[in-house]
Structures are given as C-alpha cells and as structure tokens.
C-alpha atoms as a PDB file:
ATOM      1  CA  UNK A   1      42.589  -1.038 -10.234  1.00  0.00           C
ATOM      2  CA  UNK A   2      40.545   1.790 -11.627  1.00  0.00           C
ATOM      3  CA  UNK A   3      38.119  -0.835 -13.053  1.00  0.00           C
ATOM      4  CA  UNK A   4      37.562  -2.319  -9.557  1.00  0.00           C
ATOM      5  CA  UNK A   5      37.040   1.104  -8.084  1.00  0.00           C
ATOM      6  CA  UNK A   6      34.462   1.838 -10.707  1.00  0.00           C
ATOM      7  CA  UNK A   7      32.599  -1.382  -9.989  1.00  0.00           C
ATOM      8  CA  UNK A   8      32.731  -0.862  -6.283  1.00  0.00           C
ATOM      9  CA  UNK A   9      31.090   2.516  -6.762  1.00  0.00           C
ATOM     10  CA  UNK A  10      28.526   1.080  -9.092  1.00  0.00           C
ATOM     11  CA  UNK A  11      27.576  -1.543  -6.422  1.00  0.00           C
ATOM     12  CA  UNK A  12      27.208   1.205  -3.820  1.00  0.00           C
ATOM     13  CA  UNK A  13      24.934   3.158  -6.077  1.00  0.00           C
ATOM     14  CA  UNK A  14      22.704   0.168  -6.517  1.00  0.00           C
ATOM     15  CA  UNK A  15      22.706  -0.542  -2.864  1.00  0.00           C
ATOM     16  CA  UNK A  16      21.733   3.011  -2.272  1.00  0.00           C
ATOM     17  CA  UNK A  17      18.599   2.544  -4.214  1.00  0.00           C
ATOM     18  CA  UNK A  18      17.809  -0.815  -2.205  1.00  0.00           C
ATOM     19  CA  UNK A  19      18.392   1.099   1.003  1.00  0.00           C
ATOM     20  CA  UNK A  20      16.076   3.974   0.136  1.00  0.00           C
ATOM     21  CA  UNK A  21      13.367   1.567  -0.895  1.00  0.00           C
ATOM     22  CA  UNK A  22      13.681  -0.121   2.463  1.00  0.00           C
ATOM     23  CA  UNK A  23      13.455   3.131   4.254  1.00  0.00           C
ATOM     24  CA  UNK A  24      10.344   4.251   2.213  1.00  0.00           C
ATOM     25  CA  UNK A  25       8.690   0.887   2.962  1.00  0.00           C
ATOM     26  CA  UNK A  26       9.115   1.340   6.542  1.00  0.00           C
ATOM     27  CA  UNK A  27       7.847   4.787   6.566  1.00  0.00           C
ATOM     28  CA  UNK A  28       4.788   3.769   4.491  1.00  0.00           C
ATOM     29  CA  UNK A  29       3.935   1.122   6.911  1.00  0.00           C
ATOM     30  CA  UNK A  30       4.058   3.394   9.890  1.00  0.00           C
ATOM     31  CA  UNK A  31       2.014   6.063   8.140  1.00  0.00           C
ATOM     32  CA  UNK A  32      -0.803   3.421   7.473  1.00  0.00           C
ATOM     33  CA  UNK A  33      -0.555   1.962  11.024  1.00  0.00           C
ATOM     34  CA  UNK A  34      -0.953   5.403  12.518  1.00  0.00           C
ATOM     35  CA  UNK A  35      -3.561   6.612  10.251  1.00  0.00           C
ATOM     36  CA  UNK A  36      -5.705   3.526  11.144  1.00  0.00           C
ATOM     37  CA  UNK A  37      -4.965   4.049  14.876  1.00  0.00           C
ATOM     38  CA  UNK A  38      -6.017   7.596  14.667  1.00  0.00           C
ATOM     39  CA  UNK A  39      -9.282   6.587  12.897  1.00  0.00           C
ATOM     40  CA  UNK A  40      -9.976   3.902  15.655  1.00  0.00           C
ATOM     41  CA  UNK A  41      -9.025   6.042  18.506  1.00  0.00           C
ATOM     42  CA  UNK A  42     -10.580   9.421  17.192  1.00  0.00           C
ATOM     43  CA  UNK A  43      -7.066  11.054  17.541  1.00  0.00           C
ATOM     44  CA  UNK A  44      -6.892  14.098  15.296  1.00  0.00           C
ATOM     45  CA  UNK A  45      -3.415  14.997  16.573  1.00  0.00           C
ATOM     46  CA  UNK A  46      -1.904  11.572  15.299  1.00  0.00           C
ATOM     47  CA  UNK A  47      -3.935  12.047  11.936  1.00  0.00           C
ATOM     48  CA  UNK A  48      -2.288  15.459  11.463  1.00  0.00           C
ATOM     49  CA  UNK A  49       1.197  13.841  12.055  1.00  0.00           C
ATOM     50  CA  UNK A  50       0.335  11.280   9.394  1.00  0.00           C
ATOM     51  CA  UNK A  51      -0.572  14.081   6.933  1.00  0.00           C
ATOM     52  CA  UNK A  52       2.788  15.896   7.590  1.00  0.00           C
ATOM     53  CA  UNK A  53       4.857  12.705   7.318  1.00  0.00           C
ATOM     54  CA  UNK A  54       3.623  12.188   3.628  1.00  0.00           C
ATOM     55  CA  UNK A  55       6.258  14.725   2.596  1.00  0.00           C
ATOM     56  CA  UNK A  56       8.969  12.247   3.606  1.00  0.00           C
ATOM     57  CA  UNK A  57       7.786   9.667   1.000  1.00  0.00           C
ATOM     58  CA  UNK A  58       7.430  12.390  -1.604  1.00  0.00           C
ATOM     59  CA  UNK A  59      11.055  13.326  -1.125  1.00  0.00           C
ATOM     60  CA  UNK A  60      12.073   9.756  -1.078  1.00  0.00           C
ATOM     61  CA  UNK A  61      10.465   9.114  -4.397  1.00  0.00           C
ATOM     62  CA  UNK A  62      12.154  12.169  -5.974  1.00  0.00           C
ATOM     63  CA  UNK A  63      15.624  10.866  -4.591  1.00  0.00           C
ATOM     64  CA  UNK A  64      15.216   7.531  -6.052  1.00  0.00           C
ATOM     65  CA  UNK A  65      14.025   8.858  -9.450  1.00  0.00           C
ATOM     66  CA  UNK A  66      17.077  11.321  -9.595  1.00  0.00           C
ATOM     67  CA  UNK A  67      19.520   8.916  -8.623  1.00  0.00           C
ATOM     68  CA  UNK A  68      18.346   6.285 -10.973  1.00  0.00           C
ATOM     69  CA  UNK A  69      18.456   8.708 -13.921  1.00  0.00           C
ATOM     70  CA  UNK A  70      22.081   9.424 -12.880  1.00  0.00           C
ATOM     71  CA  UNK A  71      23.157   5.910 -12.708  1.00  0.00           C
ATOM     72  CA  UNK A  72      21.567   5.126 -16.053  1.00  0.00           C
ATOM     73  CA  UNK A  73      23.327   7.994 -17.660  1.00  0.00           C
ATOM     74  CA  UNK A  74      26.738   7.242 -16.148  1.00  0.00           C
ATOM     75  CA  UNK A  75      26.783   3.431 -16.083  1.00  0.00           C
ATOM     76  CA  UNK A  76      24.504   2.312 -19.184  1.00  0.00           C
ATOM     77  CA  UNK A  77      23.486  -0.660 -17.240  1.00  0.00           C
ATOM     78  CA  UNK A  78      22.335  -3.801 -19.026  1.00  0.00           C
ATOM     79  CA  UNK A  79      20.040  -6.600 -18.209  1.00  0.00           C
ATOM     80  CA  UNK A  80      19.682  -7.435 -14.496  1.00  0.00           C
ATOM     81  CA  UNK A  81      21.116  -4.117 -13.235  1.00  0.00           C
ATOM     82  CA  UNK A  82      18.835  -2.225 -15.537  1.00  0.00           C
ATOM     83  CA  UNK A  83      15.772  -4.099 -14.245  1.00  0.00           C
ATOM     84  CA  UNK A  84      17.097  -3.326 -10.803  1.00  0.00           C
ATOM     85  CA  UNK A  85      17.205   0.276 -11.390  1.00  0.00           C
ATOM     86  CA  UNK A  86      13.889   0.667 -13.373  1.00  0.00           C
ATOM     87  CA  UNK A  87      12.369  -1.646 -10.720  1.00  0.00           C
ATOM     88  CA  UNK A  88      13.492   0.820  -8.048  1.00  0.00           C
ATOM     89  CA  UNK A  89      11.675   3.604  -9.708  1.00  0.00           C
ATOM     90  CA  UNK A  90       8.406   1.596 -10.037  1.00  0.00           C
ATOM     91  CA  UNK A  91       8.456   0.338  -6.376  1.00  0.00           C
ATOM     92  CA  UNK A  92       9.142   3.824  -5.097  1.00  0.00           C
ATOM     93  CA  UNK A  93       6.056   5.021  -6.954  1.00  0.00           C
ATOM     94  CA  UNK A  94       3.914   2.320  -5.475  1.00  0.00           C
ATOM     95  CA  UNK A  95       5.208   3.102  -1.934  1.00  0.00           C
ATOM     96  CA  UNK A  96       4.617   6.892  -2.442  1.00  0.00           C
ATOM     97  CA  UNK A  97       1.025   5.941  -3.217  1.00  0.00           C
ATOM     98  CA  UNK A  98       0.610   3.757  -0.266  1.00  0.00           C
ATOM     99  CA  UNK A  99       1.638   6.882   1.820  1.00  0.00           C
ATOM    100  CA  UNK A 100      -0.929   8.969  -0.033  1.00  0.00           C
ATOM    101  CA  UNK A 101      -3.670   6.252   0.776  1.00  0.00           C
ATOM    102  CA  UNK A 102      -2.553   6.480   4.481  1.00  0.00           C
ATOM    103  CA  UNK A 103      -2.768  10.246   4.339  1.00  0.00           C
ATOM    104  CA  UNK A 104      -6.321  10.021   2.853  1.00  0.00           C
ATOM    105  CA  UNK A 105      -7.440   7.984   5.756  1.00  0.00           C
ATOM    106  CA  UNK A 106      -5.890  10.399   8.181  1.00  0.00           C
ATOM    107  CA  UNK A 107      -7.644  13.302   6.513  1.00  0.00           C
ATOM    108  CA  UNK A 108     -11.140  11.613   7.201  1.00  0.00           C
ATOM    109  CA  UNK A 109     -10.426  11.281  10.932  1.00  0.00           C
ATOM    110  CA  UNK A 110     -11.877  14.719  11.795  1.00  0.00           C
ATOM    111  CA  UNK A 111     -14.869  14.159   9.873  1.00  0.00           C
ATOM    112  CA  UNK A 112     -16.020  10.964  11.686  1.00  0.00           C
ATOM    113  CA  UNK A 113     -15.191  11.979  15.207  1.00  0.00           C
ATOM    114  CA  UNK A 114     -18.755  13.519  15.950  1.00  0.00           C
ATOM    115  CA  UNK A 115     -20.561  10.641  14.081  1.00  0.00           C
ATOM    116  CA  UNK A 116     -18.943   7.669  15.839  1.00  0.00           C
ATOM    117  CA  UNK A 117     -20.204   4.353  14.491  1.00  0.00           C
ATOM    118  CA  UNK A 118     -20.370   0.917  16.156  1.00  0.00           C
ATOM    119  CA  UNK A 119     -16.930  -0.315  17.481  1.00  0.00           C
ATOM    120  CA  UNK A 120     -17.307  -3.471  15.147  1.00  0.00           C
ATOM    121  CA  UNK A 121     -16.842  -1.252  11.970  1.00  0.00           C
ATOM    122  CA  UNK A 122     -13.568   0.284  13.313  1.00  0.00           C
ATOM    123  CA  UNK A 123     -12.406  -3.050  14.309  1.00  0.00           C
ATOM    124  CA  UNK A 124     -13.121  -4.189  10.846  1.00  0.00           C
ATOM    125  CA  UNK A 125     -11.156  -1.515   9.366  1.00  0.00           C
ATOM    126  CA  UNK A 126      -8.366  -2.418  11.676  1.00  0.00           C
ATOM    127  CA  UNK A 127      -8.258  -5.870  10.671  1.00  0.00           C
ATOM    128  CA  UNK A 128      -8.440  -4.922   7.015  1.00  0.00           C
ATOM    129  CA  UNK A 129      -5.391  -2.703   7.583  1.00  0.00           C
ATOM    130  CA  UNK A 130      -3.537  -5.433   9.561  1.00  0.00           C
ATOM    131  CA  UNK A 131      -4.022  -7.852   6.620  1.00  0.00           C
ATOM    132  CA  UNK A 132      -2.925  -5.194   3.917  1.00  0.00           C
ATOM    133  CA  UNK A 133       0.083  -4.248   6.039  1.00  0.00           C
ATOM    134  CA  UNK A 134       1.122  -7.837   6.483  1.00  0.00           C
ATOM    135  CA  UNK A 135       0.998  -8.151   2.865  1.00  0.00           C
ATOM    136  CA  UNK A 136       3.214  -5.101   2.313  1.00  0.00           C
ATOM    137  CA  UNK A 137       5.802  -6.299   4.981  1.00  0.00           C
ATOM    138  CA  UNK A 138       6.041  -9.707   3.471  1.00  0.00           C
ATOM    139  CA  UNK A 139       6.501  -8.179  -0.132  1.00  0.00           C
ATOM    140  CA  UNK A 140       9.302  -5.736   1.301  1.00  0.00           C
ATOM    141  CA  UNK A 141      11.034  -8.928   2.916  1.00  0.00           C
ATOM    142  CA  UNK A 142      10.991 -10.498  -0.548  1.00  0.00           C
ATOM    143  CA  UNK A 143      12.549  -7.420  -2.107  1.00  0.00           C
ATOM    144  CA  UNK A 144      15.282  -7.693   0.495  1.00  0.00           C
ATOM    145  CA  UNK A 145      15.998 -11.309  -0.030  1.00  0.00           C
ATOM    146  CA  UNK A 146      14.939 -11.745  -3.560  1.00  0.00           C
ATOM    147  CA  UNK A 147      13.352 -14.985  -2.751  1.00  0.00           C
ATOM    148  CA  UNK A 148      10.656 -14.948  -5.468  1.00  0.00           C
ATOM    149  CA  UNK A 149       9.863 -18.575  -4.663  1.00  0.00           C
ATOM    150  CA  UNK A 150       7.987 -17.170  -1.750  1.00  0.00           C
ATOM    151  CA  UNK A 151       5.967 -14.696  -3.827  1.00  0.00           C
ATOM    152  CA  UNK A 152       3.010 -16.944  -4.323  1.00  0.00           C
ATOM    153  CA  UNK A 153       1.512 -15.866  -1.041  1.00  0.00           C
ATOM    154  CA  UNK A 154       0.782 -12.352  -2.488  1.00  0.00           C
ATOM    155  CA  UNK A 155      -2.198 -13.088  -4.759  1.00  0.00           C
ATOM    156  CA  UNK A 156      -3.881 -15.304  -2.095  1.00  0.00           C
ATOM    157  CA  UNK A 157      -3.375 -12.594   0.463  1.00  0.00           C
ATOM    158  CA  UNK A 158      -4.891 -10.089  -1.874  1.00  0.00           C
ATOM    159  CA  UNK A 159      -7.793 -12.237  -2.308  1.00  0.00           C
ATOM    160  CA  UNK A 160      -8.425 -12.254   1.319  1.00  0.00           C
ATOM    161  CA  UNK A 161      -8.170  -8.530   1.435  1.00  0.00           C
ATOM    162  CA  UNK A 162     -10.783  -8.162  -1.223  1.00  0.00           C
ATOM    163  CA  UNK A 163     -13.175 -10.541   0.455  1.00  0.00           C
ATOM    164  CA  UNK A 164     -12.755  -8.754   3.811  1.00  0.00           C
ATOM    165  CA  UNK A 165     -13.293  -5.345   2.089  1.00  0.00           C
ATOM    166  CA  UNK A 166     -16.460  -6.631   0.333  1.00  0.00           C
ATOM    167  CA  UNK A 167     -17.827  -7.827   3.737  1.00  0.00           C
ATOM    168  CA  UNK A 168     -17.039  -4.459   5.342  1.00  0.00           C
ATOM    169  CA  UNK A 169     -18.710  -2.593   2.438  1.00  0.00           C
ATOM    170  CA  UNK A 170     -21.918  -4.676   2.973  1.00  0.00           C
ATOM    171  CA  UNK A 171     -21.906  -3.919   6.744  1.00  0.00           C
ATOM    172  CA  UNK A 172     -21.362  -0.174   6.172  1.00  0.00           C
ATOM    173  CA  UNK A 173     -24.131  -0.023   3.650  1.00  0.00           C
ATOM    174  CA  UNK A 174     -26.437  -1.826   5.850  1.00  0.00           C
ATOM    175  CA  UNK A 175     -25.887   0.878   8.628  1.00  0.00           C
ATOM    176  CA  UNK A 176     -26.513   3.644   6.008  1.00  0.00           C
ATOM    177  CA  UNK A 177     -29.816   2.212   4.955  1.00  0.00           C
ATOM    178  CA  UNK A 178     -31.057   1.569   8.467  1.00  0.00           C
ATOM    179  CA  UNK A 179     -30.510   5.220   9.615  1.00  0.00           C
ATOM    180  CA  UNK A 180     -29.886   8.197   7.346  1.00  0.00           C
ATOM    181  CA  UNK A 181     -27.840   9.903  10.120  1.00  0.00           C
ATOM    182  CA  UNK A 182     -25.239   7.340   9.472  1.00  0.00           C
ATOM    183  CA  UNK A 183     -24.841   8.198   5.797  1.00  0.00           C
ATOM    184  CA  UNK A 184     -22.209  10.810   6.062  1.00  0.00           C
ATOM    185  CA  UNK A 185     -19.906   9.196   8.765  1.00  0.00           C
ATOM    186  CA  UNK A 186     -20.324   5.718   6.945  1.00  0.00           C
ATOM    187  CA  UNK A 187     -19.520   7.169   3.584  1.00  0.00           C
ATOM    188  CA  UNK A 188     -16.226   8.552   5.116  1.00  0.00           C
ATOM    189  CA  UNK A 189     -15.370   5.037   6.492  1.00  0.00           C
ATOM    190  CA  UNK A 190     -16.189   3.560   3.135  1.00  0.00           C
ATOM    191  CA  UNK A 191     -13.596   5.655   1.444  1.00  0.00           C
ATOM    192  CA  UNK A 192     -11.113   4.717   4.209  1.00  0.00           C
ATOM    193  CA  UNK A 193     -11.898   1.066   3.674  1.00  0.00           C
ATOM    194  CA  UNK A 194     -11.355   1.491  -0.147  1.00  0.00           C
ATOM    195  CA  UNK A 195      -8.052   3.289   0.482  1.00  0.00           C
ATOM    196  CA  UNK A 196      -6.820   0.425   2.813  1.00  0.00           C
ATOM    197  CA  UNK A 197      -7.887  -2.101   0.228  1.00  0.00           C
ATOM    198  CA  UNK A 198      -5.933  -0.344  -2.474  1.00  0.00           C
ATOM    199  CA  UNK A 199      -2.784  -0.804  -0.318  1.00  0.00           C
ATOM    200  CA  UNK A 200      -3.058  -4.539  -1.128  1.00  0.00           C
ATOM    201  CA  UNK A 201      -3.206  -3.734  -4.736  1.00  0.00           C
ATOM    202  CA  UNK A 202      -0.048  -1.664  -4.605  1.00  0.00           C
ATOM    203  CA  UNK A 203       1.742  -4.543  -2.613  1.00  0.00           C
ATOM    204  CA  UNK A 204       0.812  -6.880  -5.426  1.00  0.00           C
ATOM    205  CA  UNK A 205       2.298  -4.436  -7.943  1.00  0.00           C
ATOM    206  CA  UNK A 206       5.451  -4.364  -5.961  1.00  0.00           C
ATOM    207  CA  UNK A 207       5.551  -8.177  -5.939  1.00  0.00           C
ATOM    208  CA  UNK A 208       5.181  -8.155  -9.639  1.00  0.00           C
ATOM    209  CA  UNK A 209       8.011  -5.769 -10.118  1.00  0.00           C
ATOM    210  CA  UNK A 210      10.324  -7.926  -7.840  1.00  0.00           C
ATOM    211  CA  UNK A 211       9.562 -10.968  -9.970  1.00  0.00           C
ATOM    212  CA  UNK A 212      10.475  -9.162 -13.123  1.00  0.00           C
ATOM    213  CA  UNK A 213      13.755  -7.689 -11.401  1.00  0.00           C
ATOM    214  CA  UNK A 214      14.878 -11.180 -10.494  1.00  0.00           C
ATOM    215  CA  UNK A 215      13.564 -13.310 -13.416  1.00  0.00           C
ATOM    216  CA  UNK A 216      13.290 -10.930 -16.358  1.00  0.00           C
ATOM    217  CA  UNK A 217       9.848 -12.206 -16.906  1.00  0.00           C
ATOM    218  CA  UNK A 218       6.247 -11.010 -16.082  1.00  0.00           C
ATOM    219  CA  UNK A 219       4.179 -12.797 -13.513  1.00  0.00           C
ATOM    220  CA  UNK A 220       1.466 -14.849 -15.151  1.00  0.00           C
ATOM    221  CA  UNK A 221      -1.595 -12.720 -15.379  1.00  0.00           C
ATOM    222  CA  UNK A 222      -4.020 -14.991 -13.643  1.00  0.00           C
ATOM    223  CA  UNK A 223      -5.292 -12.916 -10.698  1.00  0.00           C
ATOM    224  CA  UNK A 224      -8.591 -11.134 -11.263  1.00  0.00           C
ATOM    225  CA  UNK A 225      -8.127  -7.795  -9.786  1.00  0.00           C
ATOM    226  CA  UNK A 226     -10.589  -5.778  -7.777  1.00  0.00           C
ATOM    227  CA  UNK A 227     -13.134  -6.310  -5.125  1.00  0.00           C
ATOM    228  CA  UNK A 228     -16.674  -7.683  -5.516  1.00  0.00           C
ATOM    229  CA  UNK A 229     -18.670  -4.492  -4.339  1.00  0.00           C
ATOM    230  CA  UNK A 230     -19.768  -3.726  -7.856  1.00  0.00           C
ATOM    231  CA  UNK A 231     -21.893  -6.894  -7.705  1.00  0.00           C
ATOM    232  CA  UNK A 232     -23.648  -5.997  -4.485  1.00  0.00           C
ATOM    233  CA  UNK A 233     -27.203  -5.052  -5.060  1.00  0.00           C
ATOM    234  CA  UNK A 234     -29.085  -2.855  -2.530  1.00  0.00           C
ATOM    235  CA  UNK A 235     -31.605  -5.553  -1.980  1.00  0.00           C
ATOM    236  CA  UNK A 236     -28.923  -7.905  -0.806  1.00  0.00           C
ATOM    237  CA  UNK A 237     -28.020  -5.610   2.041  1.00  0.00           C
ATOM    238  CA  UNK A 238     -31.503  -4.865   3.365  1.00  0.00           C
ATOM    239  CA  UNK A 239     -32.163  -6.375   6.845  1.00  0.00           C
ATOM    240  CA  UNK A 240     -34.261  -9.416   7.119  1.00  0.00           C
ATOM    241  CA  UNK A 241     -37.683  -8.928   9.020  1.00  0.00           C
END
C-alpha cells in the first residue's frame, strides 16, 4: 500500500512539471502576441504590461528548477522519467527566453512611436510573429500529446520563418538607405524582427527536447540553423533606377 502511495505521489510530481510547462508556454505566447500588438498599434501602455509580465516566466523557471532538483534527489529517477525531468528544465529555460524576447520587443515600442514607418513593415513583423507563434503553439501541443511523429513540421516551419525574416531584413535595409532619417527607427524594427525570428529557434530547441524525452535519441542534425542575412550585400538592396 505504501509503495502505491509513493508511486502516486511521484506521478503527481511529474504531472506538476508538465502543468507548469503548459502554463509557462501559454504565458510566453501571450507576452509575444501583446508585444507585437503594442509595436503595431504604438501602444506604450501594453508594452509596459508585457515588460512587467516577464517576472511570471522568471518565477516559473525557478519553480521548475527547484521542483526538478527535489524530485531527482528524492526519487532517483531512471530512463524515461529522468529524461522527463531534465527535459522540463530545458524547456522551461527556452520558454523563459521566449518571454525575454517578447520583452525586448516591448522595450522598443517607445523608441519607434515618433518615427513611424510604412504600415507594410509593421504588417511584416506581425506576419513573422504569427508564424513563430504558430510554431511554438504546435510544439507545445506535441509536448502535451507526446506525438513525436508530428514533429517533422518544426524544421520546415523554421525555414519559413528564416525566409520571411531575411525578406523583412532586406526591406528595412532599403528604407534605411533611401532616407537617413529612417535609420534609427528601422534599426529598432530590425532588432524586433531578429527577436521574433529567434522565437522560432527556441521552438525548434523545444521540439528537439521533446523528441529526446520520448525516444531517448537526438533528432538528426540536418537542419542548417540561422537566417540568410549574413549573405546580403548592400548592393543587392539598392533600389533599381
């Protein structure tokens, strides 16, 4: 009877980690959505809310780290359970970083309010964020279901994010070269775009962790990481006369 009670308590501890990951994931998604909305709509009040909300993710990561250490010390888990616990630590770190990236976008809202750029740039950032958030949501769904057979979409989606970011980078660079007054606001928007693109990388990290939790193996390292902006020359962005 005592053994059954111990196993039940152990199961609840593992479920606690999963629930906290789900809560962190939902909070990170909202932060990014609101940060981009604040940027698109020039809403400094919403941006400040996002900045304050980052503390929730910081606390969530600390709770998961502390709980995971206690479980390892008490239960001495093996195999799948140990991967589950270590995976929760890794995923919470990625989600905390997603929150930081959302906060970084929010911090730049005030800097671009007075130097509004064409609506197409903001819509481009919004589209990039929607793609990155879709990827993050799908990855968190895989974490909940453990359906790693559905995980193949992650790398394809990340390629789409990288391609969209590279296109937006080119567009912003063109505006900066056309008018020096655009340099400061477009530089802020470039940093925002890069922060959003990085969310896709963290979603991919989470997918790789989930794959390891379920299978005990690493995902094949076949995806080239990063965008293509390092290959863009200034001449290629100059407007054609």
